[in-house]
Amino acid sequence: MKCVLADLDGTFLGEFKPDARVSRVLGRYGDRLLVAEESVPAINEVKKPEGELLDIVWTLKLMTGEGRVETTALAFPTKWFGKRLPGAFIADHVTFLHCAPLENGLVAVAHEDAYAVKIADPGRNAAVRTIRREYRRVKYVPEEKPDQPGAARGLAFPLDHFNDIQKLYSVEGRIWAVTSTFDPAKGVLVDVISPQGEYLDSFYLPLPKGVSLQRLVRHPLTISGRTLLTSEILD
């Protein structure tokens, strides 16, 4: 694998190959990049016909612009659901790794189905604190199956509730936790939290056209300064 650098006009600036395995680039960490390695799922352990949950462990790493990778001791498990079919194997993520670099070398991480934001310091290989709050969980409702013949069908997950935190961002030194609380007229509820764990505010963020709560966790949406960048699904 390699990393490709470009400016915002799309001009190619360079490329390099990491000197260790890297699965995702998560953001800037001072003069380095915060990256993560995803463990290989043990699909041979899936025996039950209804499918099984497996652990995927994400390990945080720091990478220079030349591709030198330093592995930290910070690891965060997520859940993966796999199911065997005649002559095939299908699988998908159930929980996801969300990571937002903060200030002073800190990083906010969410990786569980319940409401928890973990603050870590990769430069010091240290877990700092866990931020939790009472949260009314949102019952999981599967997305409606397509009616047209031959359309792709999703994997039925063994879920009772949506993941409490759908996305995580760092905005002006504060944490924005995009929750699963959804109002069709307003959008999704976003909590604003300090890195010290203080609840500061909340607001509703309208979802892009065509994006449901079932698809929010995967939809491309990021924040740069005071600008929100996303894509919209057009009919």
C-alpha atoms as a PDB file:
ATOM      1  CA  MET A   1       0.000   0.000   0.000  1.00  0.00           C
ATOM      2  CA  LYS A   2       1.090   3.590  -0.474  1.00  0.00           C
ATOM      3  CA  CYS A   3       0.013   7.100   0.552  1.00  0.00           C
ATOM      4  CA  VAL A   4      -0.547   9.713  -2.139  1.00  0.00           C
ATOM      5  CA  LEU A   5      -0.275  13.444  -1.373  1.00  0.00           C
ATOM      6  CA  ALA A   6      -2.210  16.086  -3.322  1.00  0.00           C
ATOM      7  CA  ASP A   7      -3.325  19.665  -2.759  1.00  0.00           C
ATOM      8  CA  LEU A   8      -6.978  20.746  -2.727  1.00  0.00           C
ATOM      9  CA  ASP A   9      -6.850  21.410  -6.470  1.00  0.00           C
ATOM     10  CA  GLY A  10      -5.908  17.786  -7.071  1.00  0.00           C
ATOM     11  CA  THR A  11      -2.299  18.484  -7.996  1.00  0.00           C
ATOM     12  CA  PHE A  12      -0.064  15.491  -7.290  1.00  0.00           C
ATOM     13  CA  LEU A  13       2.571  16.338  -4.668  1.00  0.00           C
ATOM     14  CA  GLY A  14       4.194  13.005  -3.983  1.00  0.00           C
ATOM     15  CA  GLU A  15       3.775   9.508  -2.629  1.00  0.00           C
ATOM     16  CA  PHE A  16       5.424   7.108  -0.194  1.00  0.00           C
ATOM     17  CA  LYS A  17       5.013   3.602   1.168  1.00  0.00           C
ATOM     18  CA  PRO A  18       4.679   3.000   4.932  1.00  0.00           C
ATOM     19  CA  ASP A  19       7.406   0.725   6.302  1.00  0.00           C
ATOM     20  CA  ALA A  20       4.808  -1.207   8.370  1.00  0.00           C
ATOM     21  CA  ARG A  21       1.226  -2.320   7.841  1.00  0.00           C
ATOM     22  CA  VAL A  22      -1.316   0.547   7.907  1.00  0.00           C
ATOM     23  CA  SER A  23      -5.078   0.225   7.313  1.00  0.00           C
ATOM     24  CA  ARG A  24      -6.349   3.802   7.733  1.00  0.00           C
ATOM     25  CA  VAL A  25      -5.094   7.377   7.915  1.00  0.00           C
ATOM     26  CA  LEU A  26      -6.952   9.152  10.735  1.00  0.00           C
ATOM     27  CA  GLY A  27      -5.553  12.691  10.649  1.00  0.00           C
ATOM     28  CA  ARG A  28      -2.627  14.920  11.536  1.00  0.00           C
ATOM     29  CA  TYR A  29      -0.732  14.452  14.791  1.00  0.00           C
ATOM     30  CA  GLY A  30       1.707  17.343  15.052  1.00  0.00           C
ATOM     31  CA  ASP A  31       4.263  16.843  12.285  1.00  0.00           C
ATOM     32  CA  ARG A  32       3.212  13.210  11.827  1.00  0.00           C
ATOM     33  CA  LEU A  33       0.100  11.346  10.749  1.00  0.00           C
ATOM     34  CA  LEU A  34      -2.127   9.345  13.079  1.00  0.00           C
ATOM     35  CA  VAL A  35      -2.847   5.986  11.442  1.00  0.00           C
ATOM     36  CA  ALA A  36      -4.270   2.629  12.516  1.00  0.00           C
ATOM     37  CA  GLU A  37      -3.756  -1.027  11.705  1.00  0.00           C
ATOM     38  CA  GLU A  38      -6.743  -3.377  11.560  1.00  0.00           C
ATOM     39  CA  SER A  39      -6.314  -6.977  12.718  1.00  0.00           C
ATOM     40  CA  VAL A  40      -7.319  -9.825  10.405  1.00  0.00           C
ATOM     41  CA  PRO A  41     -10.717 -11.315  11.357  1.00  0.00           C
ATOM     42  CA  ALA A  42     -10.718 -14.980  12.369  1.00  0.00           C
ATOM     43  CA  ILE A  43     -13.382 -16.052   9.871  1.00  0.00           C
ATOM     44  CA  ASN A  44     -12.635 -19.735  10.524  1.00  0.00           C
ATOM     45  CA  GLU A  45     -14.272 -19.272  13.932  1.00  0.00           C
ATOM     46  CA  VAL A  46     -17.649 -18.550  12.332  1.00  0.00           C
ATOM     47  CA  LYS A  47     -19.503 -21.864  12.616  1.00  0.00           C
ATOM     48  CA  LYS A  48     -23.101 -21.044  13.567  1.00  0.00           C
ATOM     49  CA  PRO A  49     -25.510 -20.914  10.585  1.00  0.00           C
ATOM     50  CA  GLU A  50     -27.056 -17.675  11.906  1.00  0.00           C
ATOM     51  CA  GLY A  51     -23.636 -16.021  11.954  1.00  0.00           C
ATOM     52  CA  GLU A  52     -21.311 -14.841  14.716  1.00  0.00           C
ATOM     53  CA  LEU A  53     -19.670 -11.694  16.060  1.00  0.00           C
ATOM     54  CA  LEU A  54     -15.886 -11.402  15.857  1.00  0.00           C
ATOM     55  CA  ASP A  55     -13.435  -8.903  17.335  1.00  0.00           C
ATOM     56  CA  ILE A  56     -11.401  -6.623  15.088  1.00  0.00           C
ATOM     57  CA  VAL A  57      -8.620  -4.842  16.989  1.00  0.00           C
ATOM     58  CA  TRP A  58      -7.371  -1.454  15.789  1.00  0.00           C
ATOM     59  CA  THR A  59      -3.880  -0.421  16.909  1.00  0.00           C
ATOM     60  CA  LEU A  60      -2.944   3.273  16.726  1.00  0.00           C
ATOM     61  CA  LYS A  61       0.347   4.177  15.056  1.00  0.00           C
ATOM     62  CA  LEU A  62       2.254   7.372  14.225  1.00  0.00           C
ATOM     63  CA  MET A  63       3.738   7.841  10.753  1.00  0.00           C
ATOM     64  CA  THR A  64       6.161  10.407   9.356  1.00  0.00           C
ATOM     65  CA  GLY A  65       5.868  11.990   5.930  1.00  0.00           C
ATOM     66  CA  GLU A  66       8.564   9.604   4.728  1.00  0.00           C
ATOM     67  CA  GLY A  67       6.588   6.522   5.791  1.00  0.00           C
ATOM     68  CA  ARG A  68       8.360   5.593   9.031  1.00  0.00           C
ATOM     69  CA  VAL A  69       5.758   3.982  11.309  1.00  0.00           C
ATOM     70  CA  GLU A  70       5.872   3.841  15.109  1.00  0.00           C
ATOM     71  CA  THR A  71       3.414   1.456  16.782  1.00  0.00           C
ATOM     72  CA  THR A  72       1.742   2.501  20.041  1.00  0.00           C
ATOM     73  CA  ALA A  73       0.286   0.303  22.779  1.00  0.00           C
ATOM     74  CA  LEU A  74      -3.170   1.828  22.250  1.00  0.00           C
ATOM     75  CA  ALA A  75      -5.583  -0.775  20.864  1.00  0.00           C
ATOM     76  CA  PHE A  76      -9.359  -0.532  20.459  1.00  0.00           C
ATOM     77  CA  PRO A  77     -11.592  -3.514  19.560  1.00  0.00           C
ATOM     78  CA  THR A  78     -14.588  -3.248  17.265  1.00  0.00           C
ATOM     79  CA  LYS A  79     -17.188  -5.870  16.336  1.00  0.00           C
ATOM     80  CA  TRP A  80     -17.544  -7.622  12.991  1.00  0.00           C
ATOM     81  CA  PHE A  81     -20.444  -9.881  11.998  1.00  0.00           C
ATOM     82  CA  GLY A  82     -19.861 -12.795   9.642  1.00  0.00           C
ATOM     83  CA  LYS A  83     -22.189 -15.391   8.180  1.00  0.00           C
ATOM     84  CA  ARG A  84     -21.629 -18.432   5.995  1.00  0.00           C
ATOM     85  CA  LEU A  85     -23.810 -19.135   2.974  1.00  0.00           C
ATOM     86  CA  PRO A  86     -23.628 -22.080   0.556  1.00  0.00           C
ATOM     87  CA  GLY A  87     -20.407 -21.448  -1.323  1.00  0.00           C
ATOM     88  CA  ALA A  88     -19.921 -17.960   0.088  1.00  0.00           C
ATOM     89  CA  PHE A  89     -19.067 -15.898   3.170  1.00  0.00           C
ATOM     90  CA  ILE A  90     -20.545 -12.443   3.852  1.00  0.00           C
ATOM     91  CA  ALA A  91     -19.545 -10.013   6.601  1.00  0.00           C
ATOM     92  CA  ASP A  92     -19.685  -6.396   7.699  1.00  0.00           C
ATOM     93  CA  HIS A  93     -18.681  -4.115  10.559  1.00  0.00           C
ATOM     94  CA  VAL A  94     -21.139  -3.727  13.439  1.00  0.00           C
ATOM     95  CA  THR A  95     -19.153  -1.183  15.467  1.00  0.00           C
ATOM     96  CA  PHE A  96     -16.614   1.226  14.010  1.00  0.00           C
ATOM     97  CA  LEU A  97     -13.409   3.009  14.963  1.00  0.00           C
ATOM     98  CA  HIS A  98     -13.944   6.778  15.175  1.00  0.00           C
ATOM     99  CA  CYS A  99     -10.893   8.898  15.929  1.00  0.00           C
ATOM    100  CA  ALA A 100     -10.447  12.682  16.190  1.00  0.00           C
ATOM    101  CA  PRO A 101      -7.017  14.283  16.911  1.00  0.00           C
ATOM    102  CA  LEU A 102      -7.368  17.056  19.515  1.00  0.00           C
ATOM    103  CA  GLU A 103      -4.884  19.588  20.873  1.00  0.00           C
ATOM    104  CA  ASN A 104      -1.815  18.990  23.088  1.00  0.00           C
ATOM    105  CA  GLY A 105      -1.159  15.549  21.621  1.00  0.00           C
ATOM    106  CA  LEU A 106      -4.507  14.108  22.687  1.00  0.00           C
ATOM    107  CA  VAL A 107      -6.865  11.990  20.566  1.00  0.00           C
ATOM    108  CA  ALA A 108     -10.585  11.246  21.067  1.00  0.00           C
ATOM    109  CA  VAL A 109     -11.672   7.694  20.221  1.00  0.00           C
ATOM    110  CA  ALA A 110     -15.082   6.000  20.077  1.00  0.00           C
ATOM    111  CA  HIS A 111     -15.278   2.309  19.219  1.00  0.00           C
ATOM    112  CA  GLU A 112     -18.093   0.764  21.293  1.00  0.00           C
ATOM    113  CA  ASP A 113     -21.825   0.474  20.675  1.00  0.00           C
ATOM    114  CA  ALA A 114     -22.537   2.332  23.941  1.00  0.00           C
ATOM    115  CA  TYR A 115     -21.846   6.018  24.619  1.00  0.00           C
ATOM    116  CA  ALA A 116     -18.135   6.251  25.462  1.00  0.00           C
ATOM    117  CA  VAL A 117     -15.426   8.651  24.266  1.00  0.00           C
ATOM    118  CA  LYS A 118     -11.897   7.658  25.234  1.00  0.00           C
ATOM    119  CA  ILE A 119      -9.118  10.239  25.428  1.00  0.00           C
ATOM    120  CA  ALA A 120      -5.641   8.926  24.641  1.00  0.00           C
ATOM    121  CA  ASP A 121      -2.128  10.321  24.202  1.00  0.00           C
ATOM    122  CA  PRO A 122      -0.412   8.302  21.422  1.00  0.00           C
ATOM    123  CA  GLY A 123       2.860  10.204  21.806  1.00  0.00           C
ATOM    124  CA  ARG A 124       3.110   8.994  25.399  1.00  0.00           C
ATOM    125  CA  ASN A 125       1.444   5.618  24.834  1.00  0.00           C
ATOM    126  CA  ALA A 126      -1.117   6.501  27.478  1.00  0.00           C
ATOM    127  CA  ALA A 127      -4.863   6.196  28.000  1.00  0.00           C
ATOM    128  CA  VAL A 128      -5.992   9.419  29.717  1.00  0.00           C
ATOM    129  CA  ARG A 129      -9.710   9.159  30.539  1.00  0.00           C
ATOM    130  CA  THR A 130     -13.072   7.785  29.422  1.00  0.00           C
ATOM    131  CA  ILE A 131     -16.048  10.128  28.971  1.00  0.00           C
ATOM    132  CA  ARG A 132     -19.506   8.630  29.410  1.00  0.00           C
ATOM    133  CA  ARG A 133     -22.969  10.067  29.882  1.00  0.00           C
ATOM    134  CA  GLU A 134     -26.468   8.757  30.363  1.00  0.00           C
ATOM    135  CA  TYR A 135     -27.961   8.302  26.936  1.00  0.00           C
ATOM    136  CA  ARG A 136     -31.345   7.054  25.790  1.00  0.00           C
ATOM    137  CA  ARG A 137     -30.489   4.418  23.236  1.00  0.00           C
ATOM    138  CA  VAL A 138     -32.241   4.373  19.850  1.00  0.00           C
ATOM    139  CA  LYS A 139     -33.860   1.094  18.823  1.00  0.00           C
ATOM    140  CA  TYR A 140     -32.326  -0.367  15.698  1.00  0.00           C
ATOM    141  CA  VAL A 141     -34.571  -0.487  12.645  1.00  0.00           C
ATOM    142  CA  PRO A 142     -33.160  -2.275   9.571  1.00  0.00           C
ATOM    143  CA  GLU A 143     -33.200  -0.392   6.311  1.00  0.00           C
ATOM    144  CA  GLU A 144     -36.058  -1.380   4.029  1.00  0.00           C
ATOM    145  CA  LYS A 145     -35.103  -3.976   1.462  1.00  0.00           C
ATOM    146  CA  PRO A 146     -35.116  -2.844  -2.178  1.00  0.00           C
ATOM    147  CA  ASP A 147     -38.145  -3.849  -4.216  1.00  0.00           C
ATOM    148  CA  GLN A 148     -36.515  -4.181  -7.622  1.00  0.00           C
ATOM    149  CA  PRO A 149     -35.484  -7.718  -8.676  1.00  0.00           C
ATOM    150  CA  GLY A 150     -31.770  -8.396  -8.518  1.00  0.00           C
ATOM    151  CA  ALA A 151     -31.018  -5.432  -6.244  1.00  0.00           C
ATOM    152  CA  ALA A 152     -28.266  -5.811  -3.643  1.00  0.00           C
ATOM    153  CA  ARG A 153     -29.512  -6.865  -0.220  1.00  0.00           C
ATOM    154  CA  GLY A 154     -27.812  -6.018   3.029  1.00  0.00           C
ATOM    155  CA  LEU A 155     -26.703  -8.354   5.787  1.00  0.00           C
ATOM    156  CA  ALA A 156     -29.229  -8.680   8.632  1.00  0.00           C
ATOM    157  CA  PHE A 157     -27.369  -7.669  11.806  1.00  0.00           C
ATOM    158  CA  PRO A 158     -28.139  -9.034  15.294  1.00  0.00           C
ATOM    159  CA  LEU A 159     -28.612  -5.533  16.746  1.00  0.00           C
ATOM    160  CA  ASP A 160     -31.035  -4.167  19.329  1.00  0.00           C
ATOM    161  CA  HIS A 161     -29.921  -0.516  19.108  1.00  0.00           C
ATOM    162  CA  PHE A 162     -28.009   1.790  16.816  1.00  0.00           C
ATOM    163  CA  ASN A 163     -24.489   2.611  17.951  1.00  0.00           C
ATOM    164  CA  ASP A 164     -24.839   5.593  20.304  1.00  0.00           C
ATOM    165  CA  ILE A 165     -22.013   7.515  18.593  1.00  0.00           C
ATOM    166  CA  GLN A 166     -22.178   7.565  14.802  1.00  0.00           C
ATOM    167  CA  LYS A 167     -19.282   9.933  14.090  1.00  0.00           C
ATOM    168  CA  LEU A 168     -16.636  11.848  16.055  1.00  0.00           C
ATOM    169  CA  TYR A 169     -14.946  15.157  15.212  1.00  0.00           C
ATOM    170  CA  SER A 170     -12.521  17.679  16.673  1.00  0.00           C
ATOM    171  CA  VAL A 171     -13.662  21.279  16.165  1.00  0.00           C
ATOM    172  CA  GLU A 172     -11.675  24.162  17.693  1.00  0.00           C
ATOM    173  CA  GLY A 173     -10.337  21.937  20.460  1.00  0.00           C
ATOM    174  CA  ARG A 174     -13.730  20.497  21.351  1.00  0.00           C
ATOM    175  CA  ILE A 175     -15.227  17.080  20.653  1.00  0.00           C
ATOM    176  CA  TRP A 176     -18.345  16.791  18.511  1.00  0.00           C
ATOM    177  CA  ALA A 177     -20.049  13.437  19.076  1.00  0.00           C
ATOM    178  CA  VAL A 178     -22.688  12.758  16.410  1.00  0.00           C
ATOM    179  CA  THR A 179     -25.271  10.560  18.134  1.00  0.00           C
ATOM    180  CA  SER A 180     -28.018   8.232  16.934  1.00  0.00           C
ATOM    181  CA  THR A 181     -30.779  10.549  18.182  1.00  0.00           C
ATOM    182  CA  PHE A 182     -32.591  11.566  15.013  1.00  0.00           C
ATOM    183  CA  ASP A 183     -35.401  14.029  14.302  1.00  0.00           C
ATOM    184  CA  PRO A 184     -36.647  13.948  10.673  1.00  0.00           C
ATOM    185  CA  ALA A 185     -37.245  17.700  10.751  1.00  0.00           C
ATOM    186  CA  LYS A 186     -33.961  18.680  12.425  1.00  0.00           C
ATOM    187  CA  GLY A 187     -31.381  15.985  11.750  1.00  0.00           C
ATOM    188  CA  VAL A 188     -29.093  14.139  14.182  1.00  0.00           C
ATOM    189  CA  LEU A 189     -28.213  15.321  17.671  1.00  0.00           C
ATOM    190  CA  VAL A 190     -24.572  16.382  18.143  1.00  0.00           C
ATOM    191  CA  ASP A 191     -23.055  16.662  21.628  1.00  0.00           C
ATOM    192  CA  VAL A 192     -20.247  19.172  22.221  1.00  0.00           C
ATOM    193  CA  ILE A 193     -17.800  17.961  24.885  1.00  0.00           C
ATOM    194  CA  SER A 194     -14.497  19.272  26.238  1.00  0.00           C
ATOM    195  CA  PRO A 195     -11.451  16.957  26.238  1.00  0.00           C
ATOM    196  CA  GLN A 196     -11.750  17.020  30.039  1.00  0.00           C
ATOM    197  CA  GLY A 197     -15.203  15.447  29.786  1.00  0.00           C
ATOM    198  CA  GLU A 198     -17.358  18.520  30.427  1.00  0.00           C
ATOM    199  CA  TYR A 199     -20.669  18.577  28.529  1.00  0.00           C
ATOM    200  CA  LEU A 200     -20.793  21.994  26.833  1.00  0.00           C
ATOM    201  CA  ASP A 201     -23.696  22.090  24.381  1.00  0.00           C
ATOM    202  CA  SER A 202     -25.736  20.168  21.813  1.00  0.00           C
ATOM    203  CA  PHE A 203     -27.392  20.942  18.490  1.00  0.00           C
ATOM    204  CA  TYR A 204     -29.109  19.191  15.592  1.00  0.00           C
ATOM    205  CA  LEU A 205     -27.173  18.693  12.377  1.00  0.00           C
ATOM    206  CA  PRO A 206     -29.318  18.257   9.232  1.00  0.00           C
ATOM    207  CA  LEU A 207     -28.381  15.134   7.288  1.00  0.00           C
ATOM    208  CA  PRO A 208     -27.476  15.361   3.598  1.00  0.00           C
ATOM    209  CA  LYS A 209     -30.247  14.492   1.207  1.00  0.00           C
ATOM    210  CA  GLY A 210     -30.781  10.758   0.856  1.00  0.00           C
ATOM    211  CA  VAL A 211     -28.758   9.766   3.957  1.00  0.00           C
ATOM    212  CA  SER A 212     -30.611   7.635   6.507  1.00  0.00           C
ATOM    213  CA  LEU A 213     -29.605   6.852  10.073  1.00  0.00           C
ATOM    214  CA  GLN A 214     -28.724   3.339   8.875  1.00  0.00           C
ATOM    215  CA  ARG A 215     -26.150   4.783   6.449  1.00  0.00           C
ATOM    216  CA  LEU A 216     -24.862   7.727   8.457  1.00  0.00           C
ATOM    217  CA  VAL A 217     -21.858   5.943   9.982  1.00  0.00           C
ATOM    218  CA  ARG A 218     -20.452   5.239   6.491  1.00  0.00           C
ATOM    219  CA  HIS A 219     -21.439   8.447   4.735  1.00  0.00           C
ATOM    220  CA  PRO A 220     -18.503  10.732   3.806  1.00  0.00           C
ATOM    221  CA  LEU A 221     -18.718  13.760   6.079  1.00  0.00           C
ATOM    222  CA  THR A 222     -15.857  15.745   7.586  1.00  0.00           C
ATOM    223  CA  ILE A 223     -15.189  19.160   9.093  1.00  0.00           C
ATOM    224  CA  SER A 224     -12.381  21.542   8.172  1.00  0.00           C
ATOM    225  CA  GLY A 225     -12.270  24.705  10.263  1.00  0.00           C
ATOM    226  CA  ARG A 226     -15.817  26.044  10.212  1.00  0.00           C
ATOM    227  CA  THR A 227     -16.736  24.216   7.006  1.00  0.00           C
ATOM    228  CA  LEU A 228     -18.593  20.908   6.801  1.00  0.00           C
ATOM    229  CA  LEU A 229     -17.759  18.815   3.737  1.00  0.00           C
ATOM    230  CA  THR A 230     -20.045  16.028   2.587  1.00  0.00           C
ATOM    231  CA  SER A 231     -21.717  14.518  -0.453  1.00  0.00           C
ATOM    232  CA  GLU A 232     -25.376  14.480  -1.329  1.00  0.00           C
ATOM    233  CA  ILE A 233     -27.310  11.606  -2.921  1.00  0.00           C
ATOM    234  CA  LEU A 234     -29.347  12.922  -5.838  1.00  0.00           C
ATOM    235  CA  ASP A 235     -32.411  11.191  -7.328  1.00  0.00           C
END
